[in-house]
Amino acid sequence: MLPARSRLGLLLLGALLALVLYVLLPATRHGQHSAGARPEEGERGRWAANATVRRGMAAGEPPVFYREVSSGPRASSPGRPDVLFLHGQAFTSKTWEALGTLALLAGEGYRAVAIDLPGYGDSPPAEMVASAQGRVAFLDHVLQELGMQRPVLVSPSMSGRFALPFLLARGDRLAGFVPIAPVGTKDYTAEQYQQVQTPTLILYGDRDKHLGLQALQSLQHLPRHRVAVVPDAGHACYLDKPEDFHRALLGFLHQLK
């Protein structure tokens, strides 16, 4: 049997080795899901890396800043459309990152991108978006620069000024449309909406008695629409009830062909 002093020395040596391993192993753990690594099934939505990128627009157009969460090649899984997120007046692309929306969709195999509209977040103002025609041209350029063929367009509140004219003019370029109590719905007639064949999820919070119901009144003329009401949620229903919002959004995305 070892003397007490020898046993104590071995114990101290073991404790020292354990401390060294504790310091070194976290770096190994954090690096195990680097580019090209495959996450475990239970980690979906947590392993993706954030990227904020500045893109110069073609032909001297203003730059756009966007956020994308991805674990590999920047493309959706087969059969799953890209998803482009706009934002409301009090928000930016960071909102969708902070909510975990971008990571959640990346974990489900979607390429999800959130942009800063001109004059918001990191994107500088742009004269071209002063008119509805200019806003359509702006989104045209965004889709071209991001390499999005037929994405789903998610449009809350203020961003309806961009999304609605684009929907009516370029609806065939969208795989789906998700208006979240957007502004500007009264600017168009029932007949104009009835010409659009884009699958649409009309989404709003049940406590949004103004814009939510106003948008529903107009957007229900879209022939291929469905409605999802987020319970106990206000105008920014995705902030009030993110889990319910994500559930409704994913349900819509999964049924798109």
C-alpha atoms as a PDB file:
ATOM      1  CA  MET A   1       0.000   0.000   0.000  1.00  0.00           C
ATOM      2  CA  LEU A   2       1.276   3.466  -0.900  1.00  0.00           C
ATOM      3  CA  PRO A   3       2.189   5.818   1.942  1.00  0.00           C
ATOM      4  CA  ALA A   4      -0.333   8.571   2.667  1.00  0.00           C
ATOM      5  CA  ARG A   5       1.993  11.202   1.267  1.00  0.00           C
ATOM      6  CA  SER A   6       2.288   9.317  -2.072  1.00  0.00           C
ATOM      7  CA  ARG A   7      -1.483   8.893  -2.318  1.00  0.00           C
ATOM      8  CA  LEU A   8      -1.943  12.607  -1.711  1.00  0.00           C
ATOM      9  CA  GLY A   9       0.567  13.375  -4.452  1.00  0.00           C
ATOM     10  CA  LEU A  10      -1.283  11.170  -6.932  1.00  0.00           C
ATOM     11  CA  LEU A  11      -4.586  12.802  -6.062  1.00  0.00           C
ATOM     12  CA  LEU A  12      -3.122  16.258  -6.628  1.00  0.00           C
ATOM     13  CA  LEU A  13      -1.651  15.144  -9.958  1.00  0.00           C
ATOM     14  CA  GLY A  14      -5.027  13.742 -11.060  1.00  0.00           C
ATOM     15  CA  ALA A  15      -6.781  16.969 -10.089  1.00  0.00           C
ATOM     16  CA  LEU A  16      -4.238  18.976 -12.095  1.00  0.00           C
ATOM     17  CA  LEU A  17      -4.789  16.802 -15.191  1.00  0.00           C
ATOM     18  CA  ALA A  18      -8.566  17.146 -14.836  1.00  0.00           C
ATOM     19  CA  LEU A  19      -8.231  20.932 -14.702  1.00  0.00           C
ATOM     20  CA  VAL A  20      -6.112  20.971 -17.861  1.00  0.00           C
ATOM     21  CA  LEU A  21      -8.646  18.823 -19.713  1.00  0.00           C
ATOM     22  CA  TYR A  22     -11.531  21.044 -18.550  1.00  0.00           C
ATOM     23  CA  VAL A  23      -9.816  24.098 -20.016  1.00  0.00           C
ATOM     24  CA  LEU A  24      -8.892  22.484 -23.322  1.00  0.00           C
ATOM     25  CA  LEU A  25     -11.998  20.436 -24.135  1.00  0.00           C
ATOM     26  CA  PRO A  26     -14.554  23.292 -24.618  1.00  0.00           C
ATOM     27  CA  ALA A  27     -12.595  24.543 -27.622  1.00  0.00           C
ATOM     28  CA  THR A  28     -12.776  21.058 -29.089  1.00  0.00           C
ATOM     29  CA  ARG A  29     -16.495  20.864 -28.391  1.00  0.00           C
ATOM     30  CA  HIS A  30     -17.206  24.238 -29.989  1.00  0.00           C
ATOM     31  CA  GLY A  31     -15.226  23.281 -33.068  1.00  0.00           C
ATOM     32  CA  GLN A  32     -16.830  19.939 -33.733  1.00  0.00           C
ATOM     33  CA  HIS A  33     -19.676  21.507 -35.776  1.00  0.00           C
ATOM     34  CA  SER A  34     -17.488  23.618 -38.017  1.00  0.00           C
ATOM     35  CA  ALA A  35     -18.216  23.995 -41.749  1.00  0.00           C
ATOM     36  CA  GLY A  36     -18.985  20.649 -43.312  1.00  0.00           C
ATOM     37  CA  ALA A  37     -19.728  18.900 -40.003  1.00  0.00           C
ATOM     38  CA  ARG A  38     -23.126  17.283 -39.554  1.00  0.00           C
ATOM     39  CA  PRO A  39     -25.046  18.116 -36.383  1.00  0.00           C
ATOM     40  CA  GLU A  40     -26.790  15.567 -34.242  1.00  0.00           C
ATOM     41  CA  GLU A  41     -30.541  15.394 -34.811  1.00  0.00           C
ATOM     42  CA  GLY A  42     -31.370  16.934 -31.416  1.00  0.00           C
ATOM     43  CA  GLU A  43     -29.226  20.000 -32.126  1.00  0.00           C
ATOM     44  CA  ARG A  44     -31.094  21.284 -35.178  1.00  0.00           C
ATOM     45  CA  GLY A  45     -31.368  25.051 -35.175  1.00  0.00           C
ATOM     46  CA  ARG A  46     -28.527  25.599 -32.659  1.00  0.00           C
ATOM     47  CA  TRP A  47     -25.399  24.720 -34.596  1.00  0.00           C
ATOM     48  CA  ALA A  48     -25.705  27.158 -37.491  1.00  0.00           C
ATOM     49  CA  ALA A  49     -23.272  30.053 -37.758  1.00  0.00           C
ATOM     50  CA  ASN A  50     -24.461  33.607 -38.242  1.00  0.00           C
ATOM     51  CA  ALA A  51     -23.199  35.775 -41.075  1.00  0.00           C
ATOM     52  CA  THR A  52     -23.905  39.437 -41.761  1.00  0.00           C
ATOM     53  CA  VAL A  53     -22.949  40.362 -45.293  1.00  0.00           C
ATOM     54  CA  ARG A  54     -22.922  43.561 -47.340  1.00  0.00           C
ATOM     55  CA  ARG A  55     -23.908  43.064 -50.961  1.00  0.00           C
ATOM     56  CA  GLY A  56     -23.374  45.680 -53.656  1.00  0.00           C
ATOM     57  CA  MET A  57     -26.367  46.022 -55.922  1.00  0.00           C
ATOM     58  CA  ALA A  58     -25.999  45.764 -59.689  1.00  0.00           C
ATOM     59  CA  ALA A  59     -25.639  48.786 -61.986  1.00  0.00           C
ATOM     60  CA  GLY A  60     -24.768  51.212 -59.212  1.00  0.00           C
ATOM     61  CA  GLU A  61     -27.815  50.411 -57.091  1.00  0.00           C
ATOM     62  CA  PRO A  62     -27.520  50.861 -53.283  1.00  0.00           C
ATOM     63  CA  PRO A  63     -26.004  48.073 -51.184  1.00  0.00           C
ATOM     64  CA  VAL A  64     -28.180  45.849 -49.038  1.00  0.00           C
ATOM     65  CA  PHE A  65     -27.187  44.250 -45.750  1.00  0.00           C
ATOM     66  CA  TYR A  66     -28.582  40.873 -44.873  1.00  0.00           C
ATOM     67  CA  ARG A  67     -28.343  38.154 -42.255  1.00  0.00           C
ATOM     68  CA  GLU A  68     -28.236  34.481 -43.046  1.00  0.00           C
ATOM     69  CA  VAL A  69     -27.793  31.450 -40.825  1.00  0.00           C
ATOM     70  CA  SER A  70     -26.337  28.447 -42.575  1.00  0.00           C
ATOM     71  CA  SER A  71     -24.321  25.335 -41.840  1.00  0.00           C
ATOM     72  CA  GLY A  72     -23.155  24.585 -45.330  1.00  0.00           C
ATOM     73  CA  PRO A  73     -23.831  25.374 -48.999  1.00  0.00           C
ATOM     74  CA  ARG A  74     -26.118  28.356 -49.392  1.00  0.00           C
ATOM     75  CA  ALA A  75     -29.058  26.552 -50.894  1.00  0.00           C
ATOM     76  CA  SER A  76     -32.273  25.026 -49.659  1.00  0.00           C
ATOM     77  CA  SER A  77     -32.751  21.300 -49.375  1.00  0.00           C
ATOM     78  CA  PRO A  78     -34.352  19.796 -52.508  1.00  0.00           C
ATOM     79  CA  GLY A  79     -38.020  20.718 -52.768  1.00  0.00           C
ATOM     80  CA  ARG A  80     -37.821  23.452 -50.139  1.00  0.00           C
ATOM     81  CA  PRO A  81     -38.013  27.097 -51.236  1.00  0.00           C
ATOM     82  CA  ASP A  82     -35.763  29.869 -50.011  1.00  0.00           C
ATOM     83  CA  VAL A  83     -37.365  32.258 -47.515  1.00  0.00           C
ATOM     84  CA  LEU A  84     -36.785  36.025 -47.574  1.00  0.00           C
ATOM     85  CA  PHE A  85     -37.687  38.041 -44.467  1.00  0.00           C
ATOM     86  CA  LEU A  86     -38.490  41.745 -44.536  1.00  0.00           C
ATOM     87  CA  HIS A  87     -39.143  43.719 -41.332  1.00  0.00           C
ATOM     88  CA  GLY A  88     -41.388  46.328 -39.717  1.00  0.00           C
ATOM     89  CA  GLN A  89     -40.605  49.984 -39.080  1.00  0.00           C
ATOM     90  CA  ALA A  90     -39.260  49.482 -35.559  1.00  0.00           C
ATOM     91  CA  PHE A  91     -37.174  46.434 -36.482  1.00  0.00           C
ATOM     92  CA  THR A  92     -34.317  45.190 -38.685  1.00  0.00           C
ATOM     93  CA  SER A  93     -32.914  41.900 -39.931  1.00  0.00           C
ATOM     94  CA  LYS A  94     -31.531  41.354 -36.428  1.00  0.00           C
ATOM     95  CA  THR A  95     -35.071  40.694 -35.202  1.00  0.00           C
ATOM     96  CA  TRP A  96     -35.279  37.404 -37.094  1.00  0.00           C
ATOM     97  CA  GLU A  97     -31.847  36.377 -35.847  1.00  0.00           C
ATOM     98  CA  ALA A  98     -32.661  37.213 -32.220  1.00  0.00           C
ATOM     99  CA  LEU A  99     -35.932  35.266 -32.349  1.00  0.00           C
ATOM    100  CA  GLY A 100     -34.089  32.203 -33.627  1.00  0.00           C
ATOM    101  CA  THR A 101     -36.212  32.185 -36.793  1.00  0.00           C
ATOM    102  CA  LEU A 102     -33.262  32.031 -39.182  1.00  0.00           C
ATOM    103  CA  ALA A 103     -31.567  29.236 -37.240  1.00  0.00           C
ATOM    104  CA  LEU A 104     -34.823  27.298 -36.935  1.00  0.00           C
ATOM    105  CA  LEU A 105     -35.449  27.376 -40.676  1.00  0.00           C
ATOM    106  CA  ALA A 106     -31.817  26.528 -41.452  1.00  0.00           C
ATOM    107  CA  GLY A 107     -32.169  23.488 -39.204  1.00  0.00           C
ATOM    108  CA  GLU A 108     -35.264  22.469 -41.173  1.00  0.00           C
ATOM    109  CA  GLY A 109     -33.372  22.604 -44.472  1.00  0.00           C
ATOM    110  CA  TYR A 110     -34.484  26.035 -45.699  1.00  0.00           C
ATOM    111  CA  ARG A 111     -32.227  28.823 -46.844  1.00  0.00           C
ATOM    112  CA  ALA A 112     -33.549  31.775 -44.806  1.00  0.00           C
ATOM    113  CA  VAL A 113     -32.301  35.326 -45.344  1.00  0.00           C
ATOM    114  CA  ALA A 114     -33.351  38.545 -43.595  1.00  0.00           C
ATOM    115  CA  ILE A 115     -32.472  41.895 -45.149  1.00  0.00           C
ATOM    116  CA  ASP A 116     -32.263  45.446 -43.835  1.00  0.00           C
ATOM    117  CA  LEU A 117     -34.546  47.556 -46.003  1.00  0.00           C
ATOM    118  CA  PRO A 118     -33.087  50.854 -47.292  1.00  0.00           C
ATOM    119  CA  GLY A 119     -32.703  53.355 -44.461  1.00  0.00           C
ATOM    120  CA  TYR A 120     -32.957  50.681 -41.736  1.00  0.00           C
ATOM    121  CA  GLY A 121     -30.312  48.766 -39.846  1.00  0.00           C
ATOM    122  CA  ASP A 122     -27.059  48.770 -41.802  1.00  0.00           C
ATOM    123  CA  SER A 123     -28.604  49.547 -45.208  1.00  0.00           C
ATOM    124  CA  PRO A 124     -28.268  53.195 -46.314  1.00  0.00           C
ATOM    125  CA  PRO A 125     -31.276  55.148 -47.619  1.00  0.00           C
ATOM    126  CA  ALA A 126     -32.028  54.846 -51.334  1.00  0.00           C
ATOM    127  CA  GLU A 127     -33.944  57.278 -53.523  1.00  0.00           C
ATOM    128  CA  MET A 128     -35.199  54.480 -55.749  1.00  0.00           C
ATOM    129  CA  VAL A 129     -37.623  53.174 -53.087  1.00  0.00           C
ATOM    130  CA  ALA A 130     -39.585  56.442 -52.936  1.00  0.00           C
ATOM    131  CA  SER A 131     -42.106  54.977 -55.401  1.00  0.00           C
ATOM    132  CA  ALA A 132     -43.928  51.655 -55.574  1.00  0.00           C
ATOM    133  CA  GLN A 133     -42.254  50.949 -58.908  1.00  0.00           C
ATOM    134  CA  GLY A 134     -38.857  51.609 -57.342  1.00  0.00           C
ATOM    135  CA  ARG A 135     -39.613  49.269 -54.443  1.00  0.00           C
ATOM    136  CA  VAL A 136     -40.533  46.502 -56.893  1.00  0.00           C
ATOM    137  CA  ALA A 137     -37.253  47.101 -58.727  1.00  0.00           C
ATOM    138  CA  PHE A 138     -35.390  47.012 -55.419  1.00  0.00           C
ATOM    139  CA  LEU A 139     -36.769  43.583 -54.480  1.00  0.00           C
ATOM    140  CA  ASP A 140     -36.068  42.394 -58.027  1.00  0.00           C
ATOM    141  CA  HIS A 141     -32.416  43.306 -57.519  1.00  0.00           C
ATOM    142  CA  VAL A 142     -32.317  41.716 -54.062  1.00  0.00           C
ATOM    143  CA  LEU A 143     -33.562  38.385 -55.409  1.00  0.00           C
ATOM    144  CA  GLN A 144     -31.056  38.547 -58.242  1.00  0.00           C
ATOM    145  CA  GLU A 145     -28.126  39.399 -55.967  1.00  0.00           C
ATOM    146  CA  LEU A 146     -29.026  36.694 -53.446  1.00  0.00           C
ATOM    147  CA  GLY A 147     -29.601  34.096 -56.157  1.00  0.00           C
ATOM    148  CA  MET A 148     -33.190  33.421 -55.076  1.00  0.00           C
ATOM    149  CA  GLN A 149     -35.367  32.017 -57.851  1.00  0.00           C
ATOM    150  CA  ARG A 150     -38.840  31.610 -56.299  1.00  0.00           C
ATOM    151  CA  PRO A 151     -38.645  32.344 -52.577  1.00  0.00           C
ATOM    152  CA  VAL A 152     -41.329  32.693 -49.958  1.00  0.00           C
ATOM    153  CA  LEU A 153     -41.609  36.365 -48.982  1.00  0.00           C
ATOM    154  CA  VAL A 154     -42.374  37.147 -45.321  1.00  0.00           C
ATOM    155  CA  SER A 155     -43.633  40.719 -44.860  1.00  0.00           C
ATOM    156  CA  PRO A 156     -44.666  42.282 -41.537  1.00  0.00           C
ATOM    157  CA  SER A 157     -46.193  45.725 -41.078  1.00  0.00           C
ATOM    158  CA  MET A 158     -44.281  48.579 -42.806  1.00  0.00           C
ATOM    159  CA  SER A 159     -42.630  46.206 -45.288  1.00  0.00           C
ATOM    160  CA  GLY A 160     -46.011  45.782 -46.950  1.00  0.00           C
ATOM    161  CA  ARG A 161     -45.063  48.925 -48.909  1.00  0.00           C
ATOM    162  CA  PHE A 162     -42.410  46.755 -50.584  1.00  0.00           C
ATOM    163  CA  ALA A 163     -44.072  43.352 -50.598  1.00  0.00           C
ATOM    164  CA  LEU A 164     -47.580  44.195 -51.839  1.00  0.00           C
ATOM    165  CA  PRO A 165     -46.617  45.979 -55.072  1.00  0.00           C
ATOM    166  CA  PHE A 166     -44.080  43.213 -55.702  1.00  0.00           C
ATOM    167  CA  LEU A 167     -46.752  40.551 -55.125  1.00  0.00           C
ATOM    168  CA  LEU A 168     -49.129  42.167 -57.606  1.00  0.00           C
ATOM    169  CA  ALA A 169     -46.425  42.790 -60.218  1.00  0.00           C
ATOM    170  CA  ARG A 170     -44.196  39.742 -59.738  1.00  0.00           C
ATOM    171  CA  GLY A 171     -46.354  37.192 -57.946  1.00  0.00           C
ATOM    172  CA  ASP A 172     -45.157  34.496 -60.329  1.00  0.00           C
ATOM    173  CA  ARG A 173     -41.633  34.967 -58.932  1.00  0.00           C
ATOM    174  CA  LEU A 174     -42.748  33.870 -55.461  1.00  0.00           C
ATOM    175  CA  ALA A 175     -43.356  30.355 -54.185  1.00  0.00           C
ATOM    176  CA  GLY A 176     -45.371  31.790 -51.316  1.00  0.00           C
ATOM    177  CA  PHE A 177     -46.299  34.968 -49.453  1.00  0.00           C
ATOM    178  CA  VAL A 178     -46.655  35.480 -45.694  1.00  0.00           C
ATOM    179  CA  PRO A 179     -48.119  38.919 -44.863  1.00  0.00           C
ATOM    180  CA  ILE A 180     -48.123  39.711 -41.133  1.00  0.00           C
ATOM    181  CA  ALA A 181     -50.569  42.616 -40.712  1.00  0.00           C
ATOM    182  CA  PRO A 182     -48.887  44.599 -43.516  1.00  0.00           C
ATOM    183  CA  VAL A 183     -49.624  48.250 -44.232  1.00  0.00           C
ATOM    184  CA  GLY A 184     -50.917  49.412 -47.598  1.00  0.00           C
ATOM    185  CA  THR A 185     -53.474  46.700 -48.256  1.00  0.00           C
ATOM    186  CA  LYS A 186     -56.211  49.265 -48.970  1.00  0.00           C
ATOM    187  CA  ASP A 187     -54.184  50.679 -51.862  1.00  0.00           C
ATOM    188  CA  TYR A 188     -55.336  47.815 -54.082  1.00  0.00           C
ATOM    189  CA  THR A 189     -58.722  46.566 -55.210  1.00  0.00           C
ATOM    190  CA  ALA A 190     -60.352  43.190 -54.738  1.00  0.00           C
ATOM    191  CA  GLU A 191     -60.021  42.630 -58.481  1.00  0.00           C
ATOM    192  CA  GLN A 192     -56.248  43.194 -58.321  1.00  0.00           C
ATOM    193  CA  TYR A 193     -55.856  40.704 -55.491  1.00  0.00           C
ATOM    194  CA  GLN A 194     -57.990  38.143 -57.314  1.00  0.00           C
ATOM    195  CA  GLN A 195     -55.456  38.060 -60.164  1.00  0.00           C
ATOM    196  CA  VAL A 196     -52.685  36.769 -57.870  1.00  0.00           C
ATOM    197  CA  GLN A 197     -52.171  33.008 -57.745  1.00  0.00           C
ATOM    198  CA  THR A 198     -49.371  32.958 -55.135  1.00  0.00           C
ATOM    199  CA  PRO A 199     -50.083  30.679 -52.139  1.00  0.00           C
ATOM    200  CA  THR A 200     -50.525  32.994 -49.148  1.00  0.00           C
ATOM    201  CA  LEU A 201     -50.588  32.624 -45.374  1.00  0.00           C
ATOM    202  CA  ILE A 202     -52.404  35.616 -43.853  1.00  0.00           C
ATOM    203  CA  LEU A 203     -51.021  35.797 -40.329  1.00  0.00           C
ATOM    204  CA  TYR A 204     -51.815  38.188 -37.473  1.00  0.00           C
ATOM    205  CA  GLY A 205     -52.259  38.373 -33.701  1.00  0.00           C
ATOM    206  CA  ASP A 206     -55.758  38.207 -32.247  1.00  0.00           C
ATOM    207  CA  ARG A 207     -55.117  41.389 -30.212  1.00  0.00           C
ATOM    208  CA  ASP A 208     -54.223  43.375 -33.344  1.00  0.00           C
ATOM    209  CA  LYS A 209     -57.670  44.892 -33.873  1.00  0.00           C
ATOM    210  CA  HIS A 210     -56.461  47.548 -36.323  1.00  0.00           C
ATOM    211  CA  LEU A 211     -53.930  46.503 -38.972  1.00  0.00           C
ATOM    212  CA  GLY A 212     -54.450  42.790 -38.482  1.00  0.00           C
ATOM    213  CA  LEU A 213     -58.176  42.873 -39.259  1.00  0.00           C
ATOM    214  CA  GLN A 214     -57.761  45.599 -41.901  1.00  0.00           C
ATOM    215  CA  ALA A 215     -55.195  43.527 -43.776  1.00  0.00           C
ATOM    216  CA  LEU A 216     -57.383  40.418 -43.522  1.00  0.00           C
ATOM    217  CA  GLN A 217     -60.316  42.286 -45.051  1.00  0.00           C
ATOM    218  CA  SER A 218     -58.286  43.065 -48.178  1.00  0.00           C
ATOM    219  CA  LEU A 219     -55.991  40.043 -48.431  1.00  0.00           C
ATOM    220  CA  GLN A 220     -58.819  37.518 -48.162  1.00  0.00           C
ATOM    221  CA  HIS A 221     -59.527  38.304 -51.825  1.00  0.00           C
ATOM    222  CA  LEU A 222     -56.336  36.420 -52.747  1.00  0.00           C
ATOM    223  CA  PRO A 223     -57.620  33.160 -54.286  1.00  0.00           C
ATOM    224  CA  ARG A 224     -55.056  30.830 -52.712  1.00  0.00           C
ATOM    225  CA  HIS A 225     -54.966  32.096 -49.135  1.00  0.00           C
ATOM    226  CA  ARG A 226     -55.231  30.540 -45.716  1.00  0.00           C
ATOM    227  CA  VAL A 227     -55.436  32.341 -42.366  1.00  0.00           C
ATOM    228  CA  ALA A 228     -53.533  31.757 -39.121  1.00  0.00           C
ATOM    229  CA  VAL A 229     -54.382  33.799 -36.037  1.00  0.00           C
ATOM    230  CA  VAL A 230     -51.779  33.846 -33.250  1.00  0.00           C
ATOM    231  CA  PRO A 231     -53.614  33.729 -29.895  1.00  0.00           C
ATOM    232  CA  ASP A 232     -52.975  36.357 -27.230  1.00  0.00           C
ATOM    233  CA  ALA A 233     -50.616  38.299 -29.506  1.00  0.00           C
ATOM    234  CA  GLY A 234     -50.558  41.887 -30.737  1.00  0.00           C
ATOM    235  CA  HIS A 235     -49.347  43.580 -33.916  1.00  0.00           C
ATOM    236  CA  ALA A 236     -45.827  42.067 -33.743  1.00  0.00           C
ATOM    237  CA  CYS A 237     -47.257  38.608 -33.081  1.00  0.00           C
ATOM    238  CA  TYR A 238     -43.927  36.942 -33.843  1.00  0.00           C
ATOM    239  CA  LEU A 239     -42.429  38.729 -30.821  1.00  0.00           C
ATOM    240  CA  ASP A 240     -45.344  38.047 -28.483  1.00  0.00           C
ATOM    241  CA  LYS A 241     -45.702  34.356 -29.329  1.00  0.00           C
ATOM    242  CA  PRO A 242     -42.633  33.195 -31.292  1.00  0.00           C
ATOM    243  CA  GLU A 243     -43.363  29.489 -30.857  1.00  0.00           C
ATOM    244  CA  ASP A 244     -46.897  29.835 -32.224  1.00  0.00           C
ATOM    245  CA  PHE A 245     -45.608  32.011 -35.049  1.00  0.00           C
ATOM    246  CA  HIS A 246     -42.891  29.522 -35.959  1.00  0.00           C
ATOM    247  CA  ARG A 247     -45.376  26.652 -35.878  1.00  0.00           C
ATOM    248  CA  ALA A 248     -47.732  28.430 -38.284  1.00  0.00           C
ATOM    249  CA  LEU A 249     -44.907  29.467 -40.606  1.00  0.00           C
ATOM    250  CA  LEU A 250     -43.355  25.997 -40.771  1.00  0.00           C
ATOM    251  CA  GLY A 251     -46.761  24.423 -41.353  1.00  0.00           C
ATOM    252  CA  PHE A 252     -47.261  26.692 -44.355  1.00  0.00           C
ATOM    253  CA  LEU A 253     -43.763  26.088 -45.715  1.00  0.00           C
ATOM    254  CA  HIS A 254     -44.046  22.323 -45.387  1.00  0.00           C
ATOM    255  CA  GLN A 255     -47.219  22.180 -47.489  1.00  0.00           C
ATOM    256  CA  LEU A 256     -45.761  24.178 -50.369  1.00  0.00           C
ATOM    257  CA  LYS A 257     -44.821  22.154 -53.444  1.00  0.00           C
END
